[in-house]
């Protein structure tokens, strides 16, 4: 069953364009080393908070990618443009 890693954070309006470029580069780099990343969805909520959910084929694939983050330069560069970041892991139980 697929799993997700869901992030919540703020991005300053003036940083959004740069954040999106860095996020795109990060996703490409992660996929090169960890093809189990099936898709990533970024949503701006009414209150200005962003939710960023990354969908993985398996927990093992997600775990391997998370373990490799310290070796991916794009990760801290991307997250440097966020504030109040939190992350949660979960398992998809219903998808239609």
PDB file of N, CA and C in Angstrom:
ATOM      1  N   UNK A   1       0.838  -1.179   0.000  1.00  0.00           N
ATOM      2  CA  UNK A   1       0.000   0.000   0.000  1.00  0.00           C
ATOM      3  C   UNK A   1       0.881   1.240   0.000  1.00  0.00           C
ATOM      4  N   UNK A   2       0.449   2.273  -0.682  1.00  0.00           N
ATOM      5  CA  UNK A   2       1.258   3.483  -0.787  1.00  0.00           C
ATOM      6  C   UNK A   2       1.271   4.267   0.526  1.00  0.00           C
ATOM      7  N   UNK A   3       2.302   5.086   0.658  1.00  0.00           N
ATOM      8  CA  UNK A   3       2.465   5.908   1.841  1.00  0.00           C
ATOM      9  C   UNK A   3       2.713   7.350   1.401  1.00  0.00           C
ATOM     10  N   UNK A   4       2.535   8.268   2.350  1.00  0.00           N
ATOM     11  CA  UNK A   4       2.748   9.682   2.057  1.00  0.00           C
ATOM     12  C   UNK A   4       3.586  10.329   3.151  1.00  0.00           C
ATOM     13  N   UNK A   5       4.254  11.379   2.766  1.00  0.00           N
ATOM     14  CA  UNK A   5       4.908  12.283   3.722  1.00  0.00           C
ATOM     15  C   UNK A   5       4.277  13.640   3.457  1.00  0.00           C
ATOM     16  N   UNK A   6       3.651  14.166   4.476  1.00  0.00           N
ATOM     17  CA  UNK A   6       2.925  15.422   4.341  1.00  0.00           C
ATOM     18  C   UNK A   6       3.620  16.512   5.152  1.00  0.00           C
ATOM     19  N   UNK A   7       3.885  17.620   4.504  1.00  0.00           N
ATOM     20  CA  UNK A   7       4.537  18.766   5.140  1.00  0.00           C
ATOM     21  C   UNK A   7       3.550  19.922   5.207  1.00  0.00           C
ATOM     22  N   UNK A   8       3.685  20.734   6.244  1.00  0.00           N
ATOM     23  CA  UNK A   8       2.930  21.994   6.364  1.00  0.00           C
ATOM     24  C   UNK A   8       3.953  23.080   6.655  1.00  0.00           C
ATOM     25  N   UNK A   9       3.844  24.195   5.953  1.00  0.00           N
ATOM     26  CA  UNK A   9       4.778  25.292   6.187  1.00  0.00           C
ATOM     27  C   UNK A   9       4.257  26.576   5.575  1.00  0.00           C
ATOM     28  N   UNK A  10       4.934  27.659   5.901  1.00  0.00           N
ATOM     29  CA  UNK A  10       4.673  28.966   5.309  1.00  0.00           C
ATOM     30  C   UNK A  10       5.806  29.275   4.331  1.00  0.00           C
ATOM     31  N   UNK A  11       5.471  29.977   3.269  1.00  0.00           N
ATOM     32  CA  UNK A  11       6.452  30.505   2.334  1.00  0.00           C
ATOM     33  C   UNK A  11       6.097  31.967   2.128  1.00  0.00           C
ATOM     34  N   UNK A  12       7.045  32.861   2.314  1.00  0.00           N
ATOM     35  CA  UNK A  12       6.794  34.292   2.113  1.00  0.00           C
ATOM     36  C   UNK A  12       6.434  34.542   0.651  1.00  0.00           C
ATOM     37  N   UNK A  13       5.485  35.425   0.424  1.00  0.00           N
ATOM     38  CA  UNK A  13       5.039  35.711  -0.947  1.00  0.00           C
ATOM     39  C   UNK A  13       6.202  36.045  -1.869  1.00  0.00           C
ATOM     40  N   UNK A  14       7.152  36.817  -1.398  1.00  0.00           N
ATOM     41  CA  UNK A  14       8.299  37.194  -2.213  1.00  0.00           C
ATOM     42  C   UNK A  14       9.235  36.045  -2.528  1.00  0.00           C
ATOM     43  N   UNK A  15       9.117  34.935  -1.809  1.00  0.00           N
ATOM     44  CA  UNK A  15       9.985  33.770  -2.007  1.00  0.00           C
ATOM     45  C   UNK A  15       9.327  32.656  -2.812  1.00  0.00           C
ATOM     46  N   UNK A  16       8.051  32.809  -3.154  1.00  0.00           N
ATOM     47  CA  UNK A  16       7.309  31.694  -3.748  1.00  0.00           C
ATOM     48  C   UNK A  16       7.913  31.228  -5.072  1.00  0.00           C
ATOM     49  N   UNK A  17       8.237  32.125  -5.968  1.00  0.00           N
ATOM     50  CA  UNK A  17       8.777  31.723  -7.268  1.00  0.00           C
ATOM     51  C   UNK A  17      10.078  30.934  -7.097  1.00  0.00           C
ATOM     52  N   UNK A  18      10.967  31.435  -6.254  1.00  0.00           N
ATOM     53  CA  UNK A  18      12.230  30.743  -6.004  1.00  0.00           C
ATOM     54  C   UNK A  18      11.977  29.406  -5.308  1.00  0.00           C
ATOM     55  N   UNK A  19      11.044  29.385  -4.363  1.00  0.00           N
ATOM     56  CA  UNK A  19      10.713  28.140  -3.677  1.00  0.00           C
ATOM     57  C   UNK A  19      10.235  27.087  -4.674  1.00  0.00           C
ATOM     58  N   UNK A  20       9.341  27.478  -5.590  1.00  0.00           N
ATOM     59  CA  UNK A  20       8.818  26.521  -6.571  1.00  0.00           C
ATOM     60  C   UNK A  20       9.924  25.973  -7.466  1.00  0.00           C
ATOM     61  N   UNK A  21      10.871  26.825  -7.847  1.00  0.00           N
ATOM     62  CA  UNK A  21      11.994  26.358  -8.672  1.00  0.00           C
ATOM     63  C   UNK A  21      12.855  25.374  -7.885  1.00  0.00           C
ATOM     64  N   UNK A  22      13.149  25.703  -6.634  1.00  0.00           N
ATOM     65  CA  UNK A  22      13.970  24.808  -5.808  1.00  0.00           C
ATOM     66  C   UNK A  22      13.243  23.498  -5.532  1.00  0.00           C
ATOM     67  N   UNK A  23      11.943  23.575  -5.256  1.00  0.00           N
ATOM     68  CA  UNK A  23      11.148  22.369  -4.984  1.00  0.00           C
ATOM     69  C   UNK A  23      11.172  21.453  -6.204  1.00  0.00           C
ATOM     70  N   UNK A  24      11.015  22.023  -7.390  1.00  0.00           N
ATOM     71  CA  UNK A  24      11.040  21.243  -8.618  1.00  0.00           C
ATOM     72  C   UNK A  24      12.377  20.524  -8.778  1.00  0.00           C
ATOM     73  N   UNK A  25      13.466  21.233  -8.527  1.00  0.00           N
ATOM     74  CA  UNK A  25      14.789  20.631  -8.612  1.00  0.00           C
ATOM     75  C   UNK A  25      14.951  19.517  -7.575  1.00  0.00           C
ATOM     76  N   UNK A  26      14.451  19.750  -6.371  1.00  0.00           N
ATOM     77  CA  UNK A  26      14.517  18.739  -5.320  1.00  0.00           C
ATOM     78  C   UNK A  26      13.753  17.482  -5.723  1.00  0.00           C
ATOM     79  N   UNK A  27      12.563  17.646  -6.245  1.00  0.00           N
ATOM     80  CA  UNK A  27      11.750  16.494  -6.666  1.00  0.00           C
ATOM     81  C   UNK A  27      12.479  15.703  -7.754  1.00  0.00           C
ATOM     82  N   UNK A  28      13.046  16.395  -8.747  1.00  0.00           N
ATOM     83  CA  UNK A  28      13.799  15.712  -9.803  1.00  0.00           C
ATOM     84  C   UNK A  28      14.964  14.914  -9.232  1.00  0.00           C
ATOM     85  N   UNK A  29      15.705  15.524  -8.321  1.00  0.00           N
ATOM     86  CA  UNK A  29      16.864  14.851  -7.730  1.00  0.00           C
ATOM     87  C   UNK A  29      16.439  13.635  -6.917  1.00  0.00           C
ATOM     88  N   UNK A  30      15.379  13.781  -6.128  1.00  0.00           N
ATOM     89  CA  UNK A  30      14.894  12.643  -5.334  1.00  0.00           C
ATOM     90  C   UNK A  30      14.457  11.520  -6.260  1.00  0.00           C
ATOM     91  N   UNK A  31      13.729  11.837  -7.318  1.00  0.00           N
ATOM     92  CA  UNK A  31      13.258  10.799  -8.249  1.00  0.00           C
ATOM     93  C   UNK A  31      14.398  10.076  -8.945  1.00  0.00           C
ATOM     94  N   UNK A  32      15.489  10.790  -9.222  1.00  0.00           N
ATOM     95  CA  UNK A  32      16.641  10.138  -9.868  1.00  0.00           C
ATOM     96  C   UNK A  32      17.188   9.008  -9.007  1.00  0.00           C
ATOM     97  N   UNK A  33      17.250   9.227  -7.712  1.00  0.00           N
ATOM     98  CA  UNK A  33      17.785   8.211  -6.815  1.00  0.00           C
ATOM     99  C   UNK A  33      16.748   7.308  -6.197  1.00  0.00           C
ATOM    100  N   UNK A  34      15.484   7.746  -6.237  1.00  0.00           N
ATOM    101  CA  UNK A  34      14.400   7.019  -5.563  1.00  0.00           C
ATOM    102  C   UNK A  34      13.137   7.078  -6.414  1.00  0.00           C
ATOM    103  N   UNK A  35      13.041   6.226  -7.436  1.00  0.00           N
ATOM    104  CA  UNK A  35      11.905   6.292  -8.359  1.00  0.00           C
ATOM    105  C   UNK A  35      10.561   5.904  -7.751  1.00  0.00           C
ATOM    106  N   UNK A  36      10.524   5.524  -6.488  1.00  0.00           N
ATOM    107  CA  UNK A  36       9.256   5.186  -5.840  1.00  0.00           C
ATOM    108  C   UNK A  36       8.385   6.392  -5.541  1.00  0.00           C
ATOM    109  N   UNK A  37       8.905   7.603  -5.746  1.00  0.00           N
ATOM    110  CA  UNK A  37       8.099   8.810  -5.568  1.00  0.00           C
ATOM    111  C   UNK A  37       7.165   8.930  -6.762  1.00  0.00           C
ATOM    112  N   UNK A  38       5.876   8.691  -6.535  1.00  0.00           N
ATOM    113  CA  UNK A  38       4.924   8.674  -7.646  1.00  0.00           C
ATOM    114  C   UNK A  38       4.410  10.059  -8.006  1.00  0.00           C
ATOM    115  N   UNK A  39       4.151  10.892  -7.007  1.00  0.00           N
ATOM    116  CA  UNK A  39       3.758  12.269  -7.285  1.00  0.00           C
ATOM    117  C   UNK A  39       3.830  13.109  -6.020  1.00  0.00           C
ATOM    118  N   UNK A  40       3.907  14.412  -6.235  1.00  0.00           N
ATOM    119  CA  UNK A  40       3.973  15.367  -5.131  1.00  0.00           C
ATOM    120  C   UNK A  40       2.951  16.464  -5.420  1.00  0.00           C
ATOM    121  N   UNK A  41       2.190  16.828  -4.392  1.00  0.00           N
ATOM    122  CA  UNK A  41       1.108  17.804  -4.558  1.00  0.00           C
ATOM    123  C   UNK A  41       1.312  18.946  -3.565  1.00  0.00           C
ATOM    124  N   UNK A  42       1.392  20.157  -4.086  1.00  0.00           N
ATOM    125  CA  UNK A  42       1.538  21.350  -3.252  1.00  0.00           C
ATOM    126  C   UNK A  42       0.228  22.132  -3.307  1.00  0.00           C
ATOM    127  N   UNK A  43      -0.316  22.449  -2.134  1.00  0.00           N
ATOM    128  CA  UNK A  43      -1.591  23.163  -2.038  1.00  0.00           C
ATOM    129  C   UNK A  43      -1.416  24.370  -1.137  1.00  0.00           C
ATOM    130  N   UNK A  44      -1.907  25.518  -1.589  1.00  0.00           N
ATOM    131  CA  UNK A  44      -1.941  26.711  -0.738  1.00  0.00           C
ATOM    132  C   UNK A  44      -3.336  26.795  -0.141  1.00  0.00           C
ATOM    133  N   UNK A  45      -3.416  26.722   1.175  1.00  0.00           N
ATOM    134  CA  UNK A  45      -4.695  26.777   1.870  1.00  0.00           C
ATOM    135  C   UNK A  45      -5.160  28.223   2.042  1.00  0.00           C
ATOM    136  N   UNK A  46      -6.412  28.393   2.415  1.00  0.00           N
ATOM    137  CA  UNK A  46      -7.004  29.715   2.590  1.00  0.00           C
ATOM    138  C   UNK A  46      -6.220  30.605   3.541  1.00  0.00           C
ATOM    139  N   UNK A  47      -5.636  29.998   4.571  1.00  0.00           N
ATOM    140  CA  UNK A  47      -4.921  30.782   5.577  1.00  0.00           C
ATOM    141  C   UNK A  47      -3.473  31.087   5.187  1.00  0.00           C
ATOM    142  N   UNK A  48      -3.079  30.701   3.960  1.00  0.00           N
ATOM    143  CA  UNK A  48      -1.737  30.975   3.483  1.00  0.00           C
ATOM    144  C   UNK A  48      -0.731  29.882   3.787  1.00  0.00           C
ATOM    145  N   UNK A  49      -1.126  28.873   4.531  1.00  0.00           N
ATOM    146  CA  UNK A  49      -0.255  27.736   4.820  1.00  0.00           C
ATOM    147  C   UNK A  49      -0.226  26.823   3.592  1.00  0.00           C
ATOM    148  N   UNK A  50       0.938  26.255   3.339  1.00  0.00           N
ATOM    149  CA  UNK A  50       1.071  25.291   2.246  1.00  0.00           C
ATOM    150  C   UNK A  50       1.096  23.883   2.816  1.00  0.00           C
ATOM    151  N   UNK A  51       0.433  22.964   2.122  1.00  0.00           N
ATOM    152  CA  UNK A  51       0.583  21.543   2.419  1.00  0.00           C
ATOM    153  C   UNK A  51       1.262  20.921   1.202  1.00  0.00           C
ATOM    154  N   UNK A  52       2.231  20.107   1.451  1.00  0.00           N
ATOM    155  CA  UNK A  52       3.025  19.497   0.395  1.00  0.00           C
ATOM    156  C   UNK A  52       3.064  18.001   0.684  1.00  0.00           C
ATOM    157  N   UNK A  53       2.374  17.228  -0.117  1.00  0.00           N
ATOM    158  CA  UNK A  53       2.256  15.795   0.128  1.00  0.00           C
ATOM    159  C   UNK A  53       2.966  15.014  -0.959  1.00  0.00           C
ATOM    160  N   UNK A  54       3.910  14.194  -0.535  1.00  0.00           N
ATOM    161  CA  UNK A  54       4.693  13.367  -1.442  1.00  0.00           C
ATOM    162  C   UNK A  54       4.213  11.927  -1.310  1.00  0.00           C
ATOM    163  N   UNK A  55       3.815  11.330  -2.419  1.00  0.00           N
ATOM    164  CA  UNK A  55       3.254   9.980  -2.447  1.00  0.00           C
ATOM    165  C   UNK A  55       4.317   8.985  -2.914  1.00  0.00           C
ATOM    166  N   UNK A  56       4.437   7.895  -2.161  1.00  0.00           N
ATOM    167  CA  UNK A  56       5.443   6.871  -2.412  1.00  0.00           C
ATOM    168  C   UNK A  56       4.780   5.525  -2.621  1.00  0.00           C
ATOM    169  N   UNK A  57       5.396   4.672  -3.440  1.00  0.00           N
ATOM    170  CA  UNK A  57       4.888   3.321  -3.671  1.00  0.00           C
ATOM    171  C   UNK A  57       4.929   2.474  -2.411  1.00  0.00           C
ATOM    172  N   UNK A  58       5.937   2.685  -1.562  1.00  0.00           N
ATOM    173  CA  UNK A  58       6.052   1.868  -0.350  1.00  0.00           C
ATOM    174  C   UNK A  58       6.756   2.644   0.759  1.00  0.00           C
ATOM    175  N   UNK A  59       6.563   2.174   1.969  1.00  0.00           N
ATOM    176  CA  UNK A  59       7.243   2.764   3.111  1.00  0.00           C
ATOM    177  C   UNK A  59       8.745   2.590   3.041  1.00  0.00           C
ATOM    178  N   UNK A  60       9.195   1.459   2.502  1.00  0.00           N
ATOM    179  CA  UNK A  60      10.635   1.216   2.378  1.00  0.00           C
ATOM    180  C   UNK A  60      11.274   2.223   1.423  1.00  0.00           C
ATOM    181  N   UNK A  61      10.596   2.514   0.322  1.00  0.00           N
ATOM    182  CA  UNK A  61      11.128   3.490  -0.636  1.00  0.00           C
ATOM    183  C   UNK A  61      11.165   4.886  -0.022  1.00  0.00           C
ATOM    184  N   UNK A  62      10.109   5.248   0.697  1.00  0.00           N
ATOM    185  CA  UNK A  62      10.080   6.552   1.340  1.00  0.00           C
ATOM    186  C   UNK A  62      11.186   6.639   2.392  1.00  0.00           C
ATOM    187  N   UNK A  63      11.345   5.596   3.178  1.00  0.00           N
ATOM    188  CA  UNK A  63      12.375   5.576   4.209  1.00  0.00           C
ATOM    189  C   UNK A  63      13.776   5.718   3.632  1.00  0.00           C
ATOM    190  N   UNK A  64      14.033   5.048   2.526  1.00  0.00           N
ATOM    191  CA  UNK A  64      15.346   5.147   1.882  1.00  0.00           C
ATOM    192  C   UNK A  64      15.592   6.570   1.383  1.00  0.00           C
ATOM    193  N   UNK A  65      14.571   7.185   0.827  1.00  0.00           N
ATOM    194  CA  UNK A  65      14.719   8.563   0.339  1.00  0.00           C
ATOM    195  C   UNK A  65      14.950   9.522   1.499  1.00  0.00           C
ATOM    196  N   UNK A  66      14.199   9.361   2.578  1.00  0.00           N
ATOM    197  CA  UNK A  66      14.377  10.239   3.738  1.00  0.00           C
ATOM    198  C   UNK A  66      15.776  10.082   4.326  1.00  0.00           C
ATOM    199  N   UNK A  67      16.288   8.863   4.354  1.00  0.00           N
ATOM    200  CA  UNK A  67      17.627   8.620   4.879  1.00  0.00           C
ATOM    201  C   UNK A  67      18.701   9.288   4.023  1.00  0.00           C
ATOM    202  N   UNK A  68      18.413   9.452   2.736  1.00  0.00           N
ATOM    203  CA  UNK A  68      19.404  10.048   1.834  1.00  0.00           C
ATOM    204  C   UNK A  68      19.343  11.579   1.804  1.00  0.00           C
ATOM    205  N   UNK A  69      18.344  12.184   2.436  1.00  0.00           N
ATOM    206  CA  UNK A  69      18.202  13.643   2.376  1.00  0.00           C
ATOM    207  C   UNK A  69      19.452  14.421   2.782  1.00  0.00           C
ATOM    208  N   UNK A  70      20.204  13.989   3.787  1.00  0.00           N
ATOM    209  CA  UNK A  70      21.416  14.745   4.135  1.00  0.00           C
ATOM    210  C   UNK A  70      22.430  14.844   2.995  1.00  0.00           C
ATOM    211  N   UNK A  71      22.327  13.980   2.001  1.00  0.00           N
ATOM    212  CA  UNK A  71      23.265  14.003   0.873  1.00  0.00           C
ATOM    213  C   UNK A  71      22.711  14.761  -0.331  1.00  0.00           C
ATOM    214  N   UNK A  72      21.513  15.310  -0.210  1.00  0.00           N
ATOM    215  CA  UNK A  72      20.866  16.017  -1.321  1.00  0.00           C
ATOM    216  C   UNK A  72      20.906  17.516  -1.039  1.00  0.00           C
ATOM    217  N   UNK A  73      21.777  18.260  -1.727  1.00  0.00           N
ATOM    218  CA  UNK A  73      21.932  19.692  -1.440  1.00  0.00           C
ATOM    219  C   UNK A  73      20.654  20.508  -1.628  1.00  0.00           C
ATOM    220  N   UNK A  74      19.777  20.069  -2.512  1.00  0.00           N
ATOM    221  CA  UNK A  74      18.540  20.819  -2.770  1.00  0.00           C
ATOM    222  C   UNK A  74      17.595  20.836  -1.574  1.00  0.00           C
ATOM    223  N   UNK A  75      17.680  19.838  -0.703  1.00  0.00           N
ATOM    224  CA  UNK A  75      16.748  19.753   0.424  1.00  0.00           C
ATOM    225  C   UNK A  75      16.873  20.950   1.368  1.00  0.00           C
ATOM    226  N   UNK A  76      18.053  21.241   1.933  1.00  0.00           N
ATOM    227  CA  UNK A  76      18.126  22.394   2.825  1.00  0.00           C
ATOM    228  C   UNK A  76      17.935  23.723   2.092  1.00  0.00           C
ATOM    229  N   UNK A  77      18.341  23.785   0.819  1.00  0.00           N
ATOM    230  CA  UNK A  77      18.140  25.021   0.057  1.00  0.00           C
ATOM    231  C   UNK A  77      16.652  25.319  -0.130  1.00  0.00           C
ATOM    232  N   UNK A  78      15.876  24.279  -0.375  1.00  0.00           N
ATOM    233  CA  UNK A  78      14.434  24.453  -0.550  1.00  0.00           C
ATOM    234  C   UNK A  78      13.773  24.806   0.773  1.00  0.00           C
ATOM    235  N   UNK A  79      14.080  24.046   1.800  1.00  0.00           N
ATOM    236  CA  UNK A  79      13.420  24.273   3.095  1.00  0.00           C
ATOM    237  C   UNK A  79      13.855  25.574   3.757  1.00  0.00           C
ATOM    238  N   UNK A  80      14.962  26.154   3.330  1.00  0.00           N
ATOM    239  CA  UNK A  80      15.401  27.444   3.875  1.00  0.00           C
ATOM    240  C   UNK A  80      14.400  28.556   3.560  1.00  0.00           C
ATOM    241  N   UNK A  81      13.561  28.338   2.556  1.00  0.00           N
ATOM    242  CA  UNK A  81      12.562  29.339   2.176  1.00  0.00           C
ATOM    243  C   UNK A  81      11.220  29.118   2.868  1.00  0.00           C
ATOM    244  N   UNK A  82      11.180  28.192   3.821  1.00  0.00           N
ATOM    245  CA  UNK A  82       9.939  27.921   4.548  1.00  0.00           C
ATOM    246  C   UNK A  82      10.082  28.341   6.006  1.00  0.00           C
ATOM    247  N   UNK A  83       8.930  28.460   6.663  1.00  0.00           N
ATOM    248  CA  UNK A  83       8.906  28.758   8.101  1.00  0.00           C
ATOM    249  C   UNK A  83       7.840  27.893   8.751  1.00  0.00           C
ATOM    250  N   UNK A  84       8.031  27.601  10.024  1.00  0.00           N
ATOM    251  CA  UNK A  84       7.055  26.834  10.804  1.00  0.00           C
ATOM    252  C   UNK A  84       6.750  25.479  10.169  1.00  0.00           C
ATOM    253  N   UNK A  85       7.776  24.797   9.687  1.00  0.00           N
ATOM    254  CA  UNK A  85       7.581  23.528   8.983  1.00  0.00           C
ATOM    255  C   UNK A  85       7.332  22.372   9.947  1.00  0.00           C
ATOM    256  N   UNK A  86       6.379  21.527   9.575  1.00  0.00           N
ATOM    257  CA  UNK A  86       6.125  20.269  10.274  1.00  0.00           C
ATOM    258  C   UNK A  86       5.970  19.174   9.215  1.00  0.00           C
ATOM    259  N   UNK A  87       6.184  17.927   9.606  1.00  0.00           N
ATOM    260  CA  UNK A  87       6.035  16.811   8.680  1.00  0.00           C
ATOM    261  C   UNK A  87       5.429  15.623   9.411  1.00  0.00           C
ATOM    262  N   UNK A  88       4.587  14.891   8.681  1.00  0.00           N
ATOM    263  CA  UNK A  88       3.968  13.674   9.196  1.00  0.00           C
ATOM    264  C   UNK A  88       4.001  12.611   8.109  1.00  0.00           C
ATOM    265  N   UNK A  89       4.168  11.354   8.511  1.00  0.00           N
ATOM    266  CA  UNK A  89       4.088  10.234   7.587  1.00  0.00           C
ATOM    267  C   UNK A  89       2.751   9.544   7.777  1.00  0.00           C
ATOM    268  N   UNK A  90       2.236   8.960   6.696  1.00  0.00           N
ATOM    269  CA  UNK A  90       0.976   8.240   6.792  1.00  0.00           C
ATOM    270  C   UNK A  90       0.842   7.203   5.701  1.00  0.00           C
ATOM    271  N   UNK A  91      -0.172   6.361   5.844  1.00  0.00           N
ATOM    272  CA  UNK A  91      -0.458   5.318   4.869  1.00  0.00           C
ATOM    273  C   UNK A  91      -1.802   5.610   4.220  1.00  0.00           C
ATOM    274  N   UNK A  92      -1.868   5.499   2.915  1.00  0.00           N
ATOM    275  CA  UNK A  92      -3.110   5.739   2.178  1.00  0.00           C
ATOM    276  C   UNK A  92      -4.061   4.576   2.483  1.00  0.00           C
ATOM    277  N   UNK A  93      -5.243   4.884   2.982  1.00  0.00           N
ATOM    278  CA  UNK A  93      -6.233   3.844   3.285  1.00  0.00           C
ATOM    279  C   UNK A  93      -7.409   3.861   2.313  1.00  0.00           C
ATOM    280  N   UNK A  94      -7.585   4.975   1.610  1.00  0.00           N
ATOM    281  CA  UNK A  94      -8.657   5.048   0.603  1.00  0.00           C
ATOM    282  C   UNK A  94      -8.308   6.150  -0.390  1.00  0.00           C
ATOM    283  N   UNK A  95      -8.376   5.814  -1.657  1.00  0.00           N
ATOM    284  CA  UNK A  95      -8.088   6.795  -2.694  1.00  0.00           C
ATOM    285  C   UNK A  95      -9.030   6.528  -3.849  1.00  0.00           C
ATOM    286  N   UNK A  96      -9.724   7.545  -4.271  1.00  0.00           N
ATOM    287  CA  UNK A  96     -10.732   7.355  -5.337  1.00  0.00           C
ATOM    288  C   UNK A  96     -10.455   8.236  -6.519  1.00  0.00           C
TER     289      UNK A  96
END
